[in-house]
Protein backbone atom coordinates (compact mmCIF):
# COMPACT_ATOMS: atom_id res chain seq x y z
CA MET A 1 22.66 26.28 -18.16
CA LYS A 2 22.18 26.75 -14.34
CA HIS A 3 18.18 27.02 -15.70
CA SER A 4 18.28 23.84 -17.27
CA GLU A 5 19.87 22.01 -14.64
CA SER A 6 17.49 23.20 -12.10
CA HIS A 7 14.22 22.26 -14.37
CA ILE A 8 15.97 18.68 -14.92
CA HIS A 9 16.45 18.54 -11.21
CA GLN A 10 12.93 19.58 -10.39
CA LYS A 11 11.59 16.95 -12.85
CA GLY A 12 13.72 14.16 -11.02
CA SER A 13 12.38 15.43 -7.87
CA SER A 14 8.80 15.15 -9.06
CA PHE A 15 9.33 11.91 -10.50
CA LEU A 16 10.88 10.38 -7.55
CA GLY A 17 8.11 11.95 -5.50
CA SER A 18 5.26 10.29 -7.81
CA TYR A 19 6.93 7.02 -7.50
CA GLN A 20 7.48 7.17 -3.50
CA ASP A 21 3.62 8.13 -3.54
CA TYR A 22 2.69 4.48 -4.37
CA LEU A 23 5.72 2.68 -2.78
CA GLY A 24 3.25 1.72 0.19
CA GLU A 25 0.82 0.36 -2.23
CA PHE A 26 3.57 -1.64 -4.08
CA VAL A 27 5.14 -3.15 -0.77
CA TYR A 28 1.39 -3.80 0.50
CA GLY A 29 0.59 -5.79 -2.69
CA GLY A 30 3.86 -7.88 -2.88
CA ILE A 31 3.85 -8.84 0.83
CA ASP A 32 0.10 -10.46 0.27
CA GLY A 33 1.36 -11.62 -3.30
CA SER A 34 4.37 -13.46 -2.32
CA VAL A 35 2.70 -15.01 1.09
CA THR A 36 -0.11 -16.24 -0.42
CA THR A 37 1.12 -17.59 -3.52
CA PHE A 38 4.09 -19.42 -1.66
CA ALA A 39 1.40 -20.89 1.01
CA VAL A 40 -0.17 -22.26 -1.84
CA VAL A 41 3.06 -23.93 -3.23
CA THR A 42 3.94 -25.39 0.20
CA GLY A 43 0.46 -26.38 0.64
CA ALA A 44 0.35 -28.28 -2.53
CA VAL A 45 3.73 -29.64 -1.83
CA GLY A 46 2.93 -30.73 1.22
CA ALA A 47 -0.25 -32.62 -0.20
CA GLY A 48 2.00 -34.20 -2.45
CA MET A 49 0.74 -32.69 -5.65
CA ASP A 50 2.52 -32.56 -9.25
CA SER A 51 4.21 -29.58 -10.44
CA SER A 52 1.50 -28.97 -13.27
CA VAL A 53 -1.23 -28.99 -10.19
CA ILE A 54 1.11 -26.65 -8.31
CA LEU A 55 1.31 -24.06 -11.48
CA ILE A 56 -2.37 -24.40 -12.02
CA LEU A 57 -3.29 -23.63 -8.22
CA GLY A 58 -0.48 -21.04 -7.82
CA PHE A 59 -1.63 -18.98 -11.27
CA ALA A 60 -5.23 -19.33 -10.18
CA ASN A 61 -4.57 -17.79 -6.92
CA LEU A 62 -2.24 -15.21 -8.17
CA PHE A 63 -4.58 -13.49 -10.50
CA ALA A 64 -7.71 -14.04 -8.55
CA ASP A 65 -6.54 -12.81 -5.54
CA GLY A 66 -4.35 -9.98 -7.26
CA PHE A 67 -7.04 -8.70 -8.85
CA ALA A 68 -9.58 -8.76 -5.82
CA MET A 69 -6.94 -7.05 -3.83
CA SER A 70 -6.56 -4.13 -6.52
CA VAL A 71 -10.09 -3.83 -6.65
CA GLY A 72 -10.33 -3.71 -2.86
CA ALA A 73 -7.43 -0.80 -3.00
CA TYR A 74 -9.18 0.96 -5.56
CA MET A 75 -12.39 1.34 -3.77
CA SER A 76 -10.82 1.88 -0.58
CA SER A 77 -9.00 4.91 -1.82
CA LYS A 78 -11.75 5.89 -3.93
CA SER A 79 -14.20 5.95 -0.99
CA GLU A 80 -11.95 8.11 1.17
CA LYS A 81 -11.46 10.74 -1.67
CA GLN A 82 -15.60 10.77 -1.96
CA ASN A 83 -15.72 11.24 1.94
CA TYR A 84 -13.23 14.10 2.03
CA THR A 85 -15.09 15.92 -0.90
CA LYS A 86 -18.38 15.21 0.81
CA HIS A 87 -17.02 16.84 3.98
CA LYS A 88 -15.18 19.67 2.16
CA ASN A 89 -18.29 20.78 0.51
CA LEU A 90 -20.42 20.98 3.41
CA GLU A 91 -17.60 23.06 4.97
CA TYR A 92 -17.98 25.38 2.41
CA TRP A 93 -21.86 25.77 2.81
CA GLU A 94 -21.17 26.17 6.60
CA VAL A 95 -18.79 29.05 5.76
CA GLU A 96 -20.99 30.67 3.35
CA HIS A 97 -23.86 30.60 5.49
CA LEU A 98 -22.65 30.47 9.08
CA PRO A 99 -19.71 32.51 8.63
CA GLU A 100 -19.58 33.79 12.35
CA ILE A 101 -19.58 30.20 14.03
CA GLU A 102 -16.79 29.08 11.64
CA ARG A 103 -14.82 32.11 12.52
CA GLU A 104 -15.40 31.28 16.25
CA GLU A 105 -14.12 27.66 15.65
CA ILE A 106 -10.99 29.09 13.73
CA GLU A 107 -10.45 31.28 16.81
CA ASP A 108 -10.72 28.55 19.33
CA ILE A 109 -8.40 26.53 17.13
CA TYR A 110 -5.66 28.85 17.06
CA ARG A 111 -6.12 29.85 20.69
CA LYS A 112 -5.46 26.09 21.63
CA LYS A 113 -2.28 26.39 19.54
CA GLY A 114 -1.08 29.41 22.07
CA PHE A 115 -2.35 32.09 19.95
CA GLU A 116 -3.59 35.39 21.94
CA GLU A 117 -4.49 38.81 20.88
CA PRO A 118 -3.73 40.71 19.32
CA LEU A 119 -1.80 38.08 16.86
CA LEU A 120 -4.93 35.75 17.17
CA GLY A 121 -7.42 38.17 15.41
CA GLN A 122 -4.73 38.96 12.63
CA VAL A 123 -4.23 35.46 11.86
CA VAL A 124 -7.86 34.78 12.07
CA ASN A 125 -8.49 37.61 9.93
CA VAL A 126 -5.89 36.46 7.52
CA ILE A 127 -7.36 32.95 7.18
CA THR A 128 -11.02 34.05 7.02
CA GLN A 129 -10.39 36.36 3.89
CA ASP A 130 -10.10 33.51 1.70
CA LYS A 131 -12.61 30.94 1.57
CA ASP A 132 -10.36 28.27 0.12
CA ARG A 133 -7.89 28.79 2.83
CA TRP A 134 -10.70 28.97 5.35
CA VAL A 135 -11.95 25.56 4.31
CA ASN A 136 -8.65 24.13 3.97
CA GLU A 137 -7.76 25.13 7.61
CA MET A 138 -11.35 23.93 9.04
CA MET A 139 -10.71 20.13 7.03
CA LYS A 140 -7.07 19.80 8.58
CA ASP A 141 -7.36 21.11 11.94
CA GLU A 142 -11.17 20.86 12.81
CA LEU A 143 -12.02 17.48 11.07
CA ASN A 144 -8.37 16.15 10.81
CA MET A 145 -8.78 15.24 7.59
CA ILE A 146 -5.88 15.61 4.88
CA GLU A 147 -6.73 15.20 1.16
CA ASP A 148 -5.21 12.08 -0.30
CA THR A 149 -3.69 13.25 -4.08
CA LYS A 150 -3.47 9.60 -4.98
CA SER A 151 -5.41 8.64 -8.14
CA PRO A 152 -7.57 5.29 -7.06
CA PHE A 153 -6.74 3.92 -10.37
CA GLN A 154 -3.09 4.05 -9.98
CA THR A 155 -3.33 2.69 -6.51
CA GLY A 156 -5.37 -0.37 -7.71
CA LEU A 157 -2.97 -0.59 -10.73
CA VAL A 158 0.24 -0.31 -8.54
CA THR A 159 -1.45 -2.95 -6.16
CA PHE A 160 -1.95 -5.55 -8.79
CA LEU A 161 1.39 -5.08 -10.63
CA SER A 162 3.32 -5.55 -7.65
CA PHE A 163 0.87 -8.89 -6.43
CA ILE A 164 1.40 -10.37 -9.63
CA PHE A 165 5.26 -9.37 -10.07
CA ILE A 166 6.54 -10.61 -6.65
CA GLY A 167 3.98 -13.34 -6.50
CA LEU A 168 5.35 -14.78 -9.43
CA ILE A 169 8.77 -15.48 -7.73
CA PRO A 170 7.66 -18.83 -5.72
CA LEU A 171 6.11 -20.37 -9.23
CA GLY A 172 9.16 -19.01 -11.48
CA VAL A 173 11.10 -22.43 -10.94
CA TYR A 174 7.98 -24.16 -11.48
CA VAL A 175 7.39 -22.77 -14.79
CA PHE A 176 11.06 -23.04 -15.95
CA ASP A 177 10.59 -26.71 -14.96
CA PHE A 178 7.99 -27.18 -17.38
CA LEU A 179 10.19 -25.98 -19.96
CA SER A 180 13.25 -27.69 -18.79
CA PRO A 181 13.43 -30.05 -15.50
CA VAL A 182 14.91 -28.67 -12.62
CA GLN A 183 15.94 -30.63 -9.70
CA ASN A 184 14.87 -29.91 -6.22
CA LEU A 185 12.04 -27.50 -6.97
CA PHE A 186 10.76 -26.60 -3.68
CA PHE A 187 14.14 -25.67 -2.51
CA TRP A 188 14.64 -23.29 -5.34
CA SER A 189 11.17 -22.08 -5.01
CA SER A 190 12.00 -21.38 -1.14
CA ALA A 191 15.39 -19.69 -1.88
CA LEU A 192 13.91 -17.49 -4.35
CA THR A 193 10.89 -16.54 -2.26
CA ALA A 194 13.10 -15.79 0.48
CA LEU A 195 14.91 -13.19 -1.78
CA GLY A 196 11.56 -11.75 -2.61
CA PHE A 197 10.92 -11.60 1.11
CA ILE A 198 13.89 -9.59 1.86
CA LEU A 199 13.44 -7.11 -1.18
CA ILE A 200 9.85 -6.56 0.29
CA GLY A 201 11.04 -6.19 3.73
CA TYR A 202 13.59 -3.60 2.87
CA LEU A 203 11.03 -1.54 0.86
CA LYS A 204 8.62 -1.84 3.95
CA SER A 205 11.53 -0.59 6.16
CA ILE A 206 11.42 2.43 3.65
CA VAL A 207 7.74 3.09 3.85
CA THR A 208 7.40 2.75 7.68
CA GLN A 209 10.94 4.50 8.31
CA SER A 210 11.93 1.63 10.55
CA GLY A 211 14.93 -0.34 10.71
CA ILE A 212 16.08 -2.62 7.54
CA LEU A 213 16.91 -5.35 9.66
CA ARG A 214 13.53 -5.20 11.49
CA GLY A 215 11.40 -4.76 8.08
CA ILE A 216 13.40 -7.80 6.52
CA SER A 217 12.92 -10.09 9.45
CA GLU A 218 9.25 -9.60 9.91
CA THR A 219 8.29 -10.23 6.31
CA LEU A 220 10.47 -13.25 6.47
CA ILE A 221 8.88 -14.48 9.39
CA LEU A 222 5.63 -13.73 8.50
CA GLY A 223 6.18 -15.40 5.09
CA GLY A 224 7.85 -18.36 6.91
CA LEU A 225 5.05 -19.13 9.25
CA ALA A 226 2.22 -18.83 6.49
CA ALA A 227 4.36 -21.49 4.55
CA PHE A 228 4.75 -23.77 7.67
CA VAL A 229 0.94 -23.63 8.43
CA ALA A 230 0.27 -24.10 4.87
CA TYR A 231 2.75 -27.12 4.13
CA PHE A 232 1.23 -29.14 7.44
CA ILE A 233 -1.93 -28.33 6.46
CA GLY A 234 -1.51 -29.97 2.92
CA ASP A 235 0.25 -32.58 4.38
CA PHE A 236 -2.37 -33.40 6.81
CA LEU A 237 -5.50 -33.33 4.21
CA GLY A 238 -3.40 -35.01 1.86
CA LYS A 239 -3.16 -37.72 3.91
CA ILE A 240 -6.60 -37.87 4.93
CA ILE A 241 -7.96 -37.59 1.11
CA ASN A 242 -5.51 -40.57 -0.07
């Protein structure tokens, strides 16, 4: 029984760890999705556009920007992995063909960490006896590069889903109004969006390990400023064009 409980606990920890790995992408996509979509809504309201136009502009922005953002996240993650692999292959080549130079570099690294003989020589011997360990040390301590284990595809997918999921909040009331009339559309859209900002701000505080109130307030202020600018630009352009 103890073995089974331990196994279940390990699986739970593994799932939680996997979830937390992509929490940053979820927050990143959610902030952008909610802020940009709400800015489109407020700009359209400022210009005096009908609900149907707001829906068209909102959904067009939601999926176009969400796709573009997810592609950018995917390409960025993939490029980082390719760059890491390139430098790691180079380190393997140097360990294979220039072992003395690479050994001296390991010695310098650990000497700077405070190791002295005879312990220094023992540590260097242990490291250089295994090429994989040797290369990993060079990647971490010489090049300051740490391998990103996250999947580029999953990084892009989480970013896209977060952008769509959180970005739908400002449009939710307008979708509902299309099916059944709702009073004070912009008020309810703003209220629901504020709740979305609070959720994303809370998750942001977890990712950045900062205060919850700070994370929430920063997100609310960012979204509010974007909406303020969009509304008055929409209002200004609407008066000029009309």
